[in-house]
Amino acid sequence: MARLRRLSLCGITQHILQRGNNRLPCFFGSDDYEQYLEYLCDAVDKYNVMLHSYCLMPNHVHLLMTPDCSEGISRTLQDLGRRYVRYINFKYGRSGTLWEGRYHSCLVENDFHVLDCYRYIEMNPIRSNIVYEPGSYKWSSYQCTGMNQSSCYIIPHSEYIKLGKSRNERCCAYRGLMNISLDKIKLKKIREAAQSNRVYGSDEFIEWVENKLTIRVRKKKAGRPRLQPA
């Protein structure tokens, strides 16, 4: 089956997922996480991409970003990947690939869907039983979005900004959202959208994307089409 082309539109947020090759680790020590973030910061600045949220897990990465141009995110990931793989291979005396093929991504609608992705990304360490609460995990943007730490590379999304008039108000409101678990239906939709390079949003938004890109985004229904009566 043909792979759906990666979707990208100027000014439309994307949820990015990139896994280590064969689900193996892509970070081996604290220095690696820090170096990845440094390269990420350089790349988003270079290609005019806004980074809203991230979570660096031992064997995969989640990012929530909005590009200034349609090629911004792909260029950011290429630049970041090339520099980080070179760093890892040199540091650990290894060779070859580090990542599992192409990164996965999906377009995200600018409403509660964005905040769903914020929460999905920053709750990853909880779902993986690494920590019991998000503030205990050092390698996610929750340090900024929920704990009010300053960041030179996190740019709050407009939907996050709507949570309060001040930075402190927004952090408090966001912590309240994080206390509400995403239901199974939302979790499934977010995962499927990212894994299949599709869209996480309403039917109206999906239709708008299809018209904008002139391609079909929605999955076709299983089975043969019904025969029309003669």
Protein backbone atom coordinates (compact mmCIF):
# COMPACT_ATOMS: atom_id res chain seq x y z
CA MET A 1 0.00 0.00 0.00
CA ALA A 2 1.33 3.43 -0.97
CA ARG A 3 2.52 5.57 1.91
CA LEU A 4 0.62 8.84 2.43
CA ARG A 5 2.92 11.74 1.71
CA ARG A 6 3.95 13.77 4.72
CA LEU A 7 1.54 16.66 5.22
CA SER A 8 2.80 20.19 5.86
CA LEU A 9 1.23 23.64 5.64
CA CYS A 10 2.59 27.06 6.58
CA GLY A 11 1.43 28.09 10.03
CA ILE A 12 -0.25 24.77 10.85
CA THR A 13 1.02 22.93 13.92
CA GLN A 14 2.46 19.42 13.63
CA HIS A 15 2.96 16.62 16.12
CA ILE A 16 6.25 14.86 15.34
CA LEU A 17 7.23 11.34 16.39
CA GLN A 18 10.67 9.86 15.76
CA ARG A 19 11.78 6.49 17.12
CA GLY A 20 15.16 4.90 17.63
CA ASN A 21 16.05 2.19 15.14
CA ASN A 22 14.42 -1.14 16.15
CA ARG A 23 13.01 0.75 19.17
CA LEU A 24 16.53 0.88 20.63
CA PRO A 25 17.77 3.82 22.72
CA CYS A 26 18.69 7.08 21.03
CA PHE A 27 19.89 8.70 24.27
CA PHE A 28 22.51 7.07 26.49
CA GLY A 29 23.27 9.72 29.10
CA SER A 30 22.33 13.20 30.31
CA ASP A 31 24.86 14.79 27.97
CA ASP A 32 23.04 13.29 24.99
CA TYR A 33 19.68 14.81 25.95
CA GLU A 34 21.34 18.18 26.46
CA GLN A 35 23.17 17.99 23.14
CA TYR A 36 19.98 17.03 21.30
CA LEU A 37 18.18 20.04 22.78
CA GLU A 38 21.04 22.32 21.78
CA TYR A 39 20.91 21.07 18.19
CA LEU A 40 17.11 21.31 18.21
CA CYS A 41 17.29 24.92 19.42
CA ASP A 42 19.75 25.78 16.64
CA ALA A 43 17.63 24.10 13.97
CA VAL A 44 14.27 25.66 14.85
CA ASP A 45 15.92 29.07 14.93
CA LYS A 46 17.63 28.47 11.59
CA TYR A 47 14.46 27.35 9.80
CA ASN A 48 11.91 29.64 11.50
CA VAL A 49 10.00 26.90 13.28
CA MET A 50 8.24 27.46 16.60
CA LEU A 51 8.78 24.70 19.16
CA HIS A 52 5.83 24.49 21.57
CA SER A 53 6.32 21.21 23.39
CA TYR A 54 8.69 18.23 23.48
CA CYS A 55 9.45 15.04 25.32
CA LEU A 56 12.71 13.16 24.89
CA MET A 57 12.14 9.55 25.83
CA PRO A 58 14.99 7.01 25.99
CA ASN A 59 14.12 5.48 22.62
CA HIS A 60 11.91 8.06 20.90
CA VAL A 61 11.11 11.76 20.64
CA HIS A 62 7.88 13.76 20.53
CA LEU A 63 7.81 17.36 19.30
CA LEU A 64 4.99 19.88 18.78
CA MET A 65 6.01 22.54 16.27
CA THR A 66 4.61 25.15 13.90
CA PRO A 67 6.55 25.99 10.71
CA ASP A 68 6.80 29.37 9.03
CA CYS A 69 6.95 27.63 5.64
CA SER A 70 5.85 24.22 4.42
CA GLU A 71 9.41 22.84 4.32
CA GLY A 72 10.45 24.23 7.70
CA ILE A 73 9.89 21.14 9.81
CA SER A 74 11.43 18.66 7.37
CA ARG A 75 14.54 20.85 7.09
CA THR A 76 14.68 21.21 10.86
CA LEU A 77 14.53 17.44 11.38
CA GLN A 78 17.10 16.78 8.66
CA ASP A 79 19.55 19.27 10.14
CA LEU A 80 18.95 18.05 13.67
CA GLY A 81 19.18 14.38 12.74
CA ARG A 82 22.38 14.76 10.77
CA ARG A 83 24.18 16.62 13.56
CA TYR A 84 22.90 14.42 16.38
CA VAL A 85 23.69 11.10 14.66
CA ARG A 86 27.18 12.35 13.88
CA TYR A 87 27.62 13.32 17.55
CA ILE A 88 26.36 9.93 18.85
CA ASN A 89 28.43 7.90 16.41
CA PHE A 90 31.61 9.80 17.24
CA LYS A 91 31.03 9.75 21.01
CA TYR A 92 30.23 6.05 21.25
CA GLY A 93 32.40 4.74 18.42
CA ARG A 94 29.46 3.43 16.45
CA SER A 95 28.33 3.75 12.84
CA GLY A 96 25.15 3.55 10.82
CA THR A 97 21.65 4.79 11.44
CA LEU A 98 20.22 5.81 14.78
CA TRP A 99 16.61 6.51 13.82
CA GLU A 100 13.91 4.18 12.54
CA GLY A 101 13.45 5.46 8.99
CA ARG A 102 11.51 8.63 8.36
CA TYR A 103 9.95 10.58 11.17
CA HIS A 104 6.16 10.48 11.55
CA SER A 105 4.00 13.58 11.78
CA CYS A 106 0.44 14.84 11.66
CA LEU A 107 -1.23 18.21 11.24
CA VAL A 108 -3.05 19.45 14.36
CA GLU A 109 -6.08 21.72 14.43
CA ASN A 110 -5.69 25.02 16.28
CA ASP A 111 -8.16 24.48 19.13
CA PHE A 112 -8.40 21.96 21.97
CA HIS A 113 -6.65 19.46 19.68
CA VAL A 114 -3.38 21.36 20.19
CA LEU A 115 -3.73 21.19 23.98
CA ASP A 116 -4.54 17.48 23.69
CA CYS A 117 -1.19 17.02 21.93
CA TYR A 118 0.61 19.10 24.56
CA ARG A 119 -0.75 16.79 27.23
CA TYR A 120 -0.16 13.61 25.23
CA ILE A 121 3.48 14.55 24.67
CA GLU A 122 4.29 15.63 28.22
CA MET A 123 2.44 12.69 29.82
CA ASN A 124 4.61 10.18 27.96
CA PRO A 125 6.91 9.48 30.94
CA ILE A 126 3.84 8.76 33.10
CA ARG A 127 2.32 6.32 30.60
CA SER A 128 5.71 4.60 30.33
CA ASN A 129 5.95 4.27 34.14
CA ILE A 130 9.23 6.19 34.28
CA VAL A 131 7.92 8.77 36.77
CA TYR A 132 4.71 9.30 38.72
CA GLU A 133 4.15 12.95 37.87
CA PRO A 134 5.31 15.01 34.86
CA GLY A 135 7.36 17.51 36.83
CA SER A 136 9.73 14.72 37.87
CA TYR A 137 10.85 14.10 34.30
CA LYS A 138 13.70 16.40 33.33
CA TRP A 139 13.64 15.95 29.56
CA SER A 140 10.27 17.42 28.63
CA SER A 141 8.86 20.89 28.10
CA TYR A 142 6.62 20.44 31.16
CA GLN A 143 9.43 22.10 33.10
CA CYS A 144 8.39 25.24 31.21
CA THR A 145 4.66 24.73 30.49
CA GLY A 146 3.67 23.41 33.90
CA MET A 147 6.43 24.51 36.28
CA ASN A 148 7.03 28.03 35.00
CA GLN A 149 10.72 27.60 34.26
CA SER A 150 12.12 29.97 31.65
CA SER A 151 13.17 28.57 28.29
CA CYS A 152 15.09 30.13 25.42
CA TYR A 153 13.56 27.82 22.81
CA ILE A 154 9.97 27.11 23.87
CA ILE A 155 7.43 29.43 22.20
CA PRO A 156 3.92 29.01 23.69
CA HIS A 157 1.21 28.13 21.18
CA SER A 158 -1.68 30.59 20.87
CA GLU A 159 -3.98 27.95 22.41
CA TYR A 160 -1.70 27.65 25.43
CA ILE A 161 -1.56 31.45 25.78
CA LYS A 162 -5.37 31.52 25.99
CA LEU A 163 -5.15 29.60 29.29
CA GLY A 164 -4.36 32.76 31.28
CA LYS A 165 -3.39 36.42 31.21
CA SER A 166 0.01 35.86 32.81
CA ARG A 167 2.64 33.16 32.59
CA ASN A 168 1.83 32.02 36.11
CA GLU A 169 -1.90 31.82 35.36
CA ARG A 170 -1.24 29.77 32.26
CA CYS A 171 0.98 27.35 34.17
CA CYS A 172 -1.67 26.89 36.87
CA ALA A 173 -4.41 26.31 34.31
CA TYR A 174 -2.24 23.87 32.39
CA ARG A 175 -1.42 21.89 35.52
CA GLY A 176 -5.17 21.55 36.00
CA LEU A 177 -5.52 20.16 32.48
CA MET A 178 -2.70 17.70 33.11
CA ASN A 179 -4.65 16.30 36.04
CA ILE A 180 -7.38 15.24 33.61
CA SER A 181 -6.36 12.09 31.77
CA LEU A 182 -6.87 11.86 28.03
CA ASP A 183 -9.54 9.28 27.34
CA LYS A 184 -8.82 6.14 25.33
CA ILE A 185 -10.53 7.47 22.20
CA LYS A 186 -8.36 10.60 22.11
CA LEU A 187 -5.21 8.61 22.83
CA LYS A 188 -6.00 6.30 19.93
CA LYS A 189 -6.76 9.17 17.54
CA ILE A 190 -3.55 11.03 18.42
CA ARG A 191 -1.44 7.88 17.99
CA GLU A 192 -3.07 6.87 14.71
CA ALA A 193 -2.82 10.37 13.24
CA ALA A 194 0.90 10.63 13.97
CA GLN A 195 1.76 7.06 12.93
CA SER A 196 -0.11 7.37 9.62
CA ASN A 197 1.01 10.95 8.79
CA ARG A 198 -2.57 12.23 8.73
CA VAL A 199 -4.52 14.85 10.70
CA TYR A 200 -5.65 15.23 14.29
CA GLY A 201 -8.68 17.49 14.16
CA SER A 202 -12.36 17.86 13.35
CA ASP A 203 -13.99 16.63 10.14
CA GLU A 204 -14.23 20.25 9.00
CA PHE A 205 -10.50 20.78 9.51
CA ILE A 206 -9.67 17.54 7.70
CA GLU A 207 -11.84 18.65 4.77
CA TRP A 208 -10.07 22.03 4.75
CA VAL A 209 -6.67 20.28 4.65
CA GLU A 210 -7.81 18.05 1.80
CA ASN A 211 -8.98 21.06 -0.21
CA LYS A 212 -5.81 23.00 0.56
CA LEU A 213 -3.46 20.16 -0.45
CA THR A 214 -5.77 18.65 -3.09
CA ILE A 215 -5.25 15.13 -1.74
CA ARG A 216 -7.36 12.67 0.19
CA VAL A 217 -6.41 12.51 3.87
CA ARG A 218 -9.19 10.44 5.38
CA LYS A 219 -8.85 6.68 5.33
CA LYS A 220 -11.01 4.82 2.87
CA LYS A 221 -13.62 2.54 4.37
CA ALA A 222 -12.67 -1.14 4.39
CA GLY A 223 -14.29 -3.51 1.95
CA ARG A 224 -15.51 -3.27 -1.61
CA PRO A 225 -17.63 -0.30 -2.69
CA ARG A 226 -21.33 -0.98 -2.91
CA LEU A 227 -22.74 -1.59 -6.35
CA GLN A 228 -25.18 1.10 -7.42
CA PRO A 229 -28.54 -0.13 -8.69
CA ALA A 230 -28.93 -0.04 -12.47
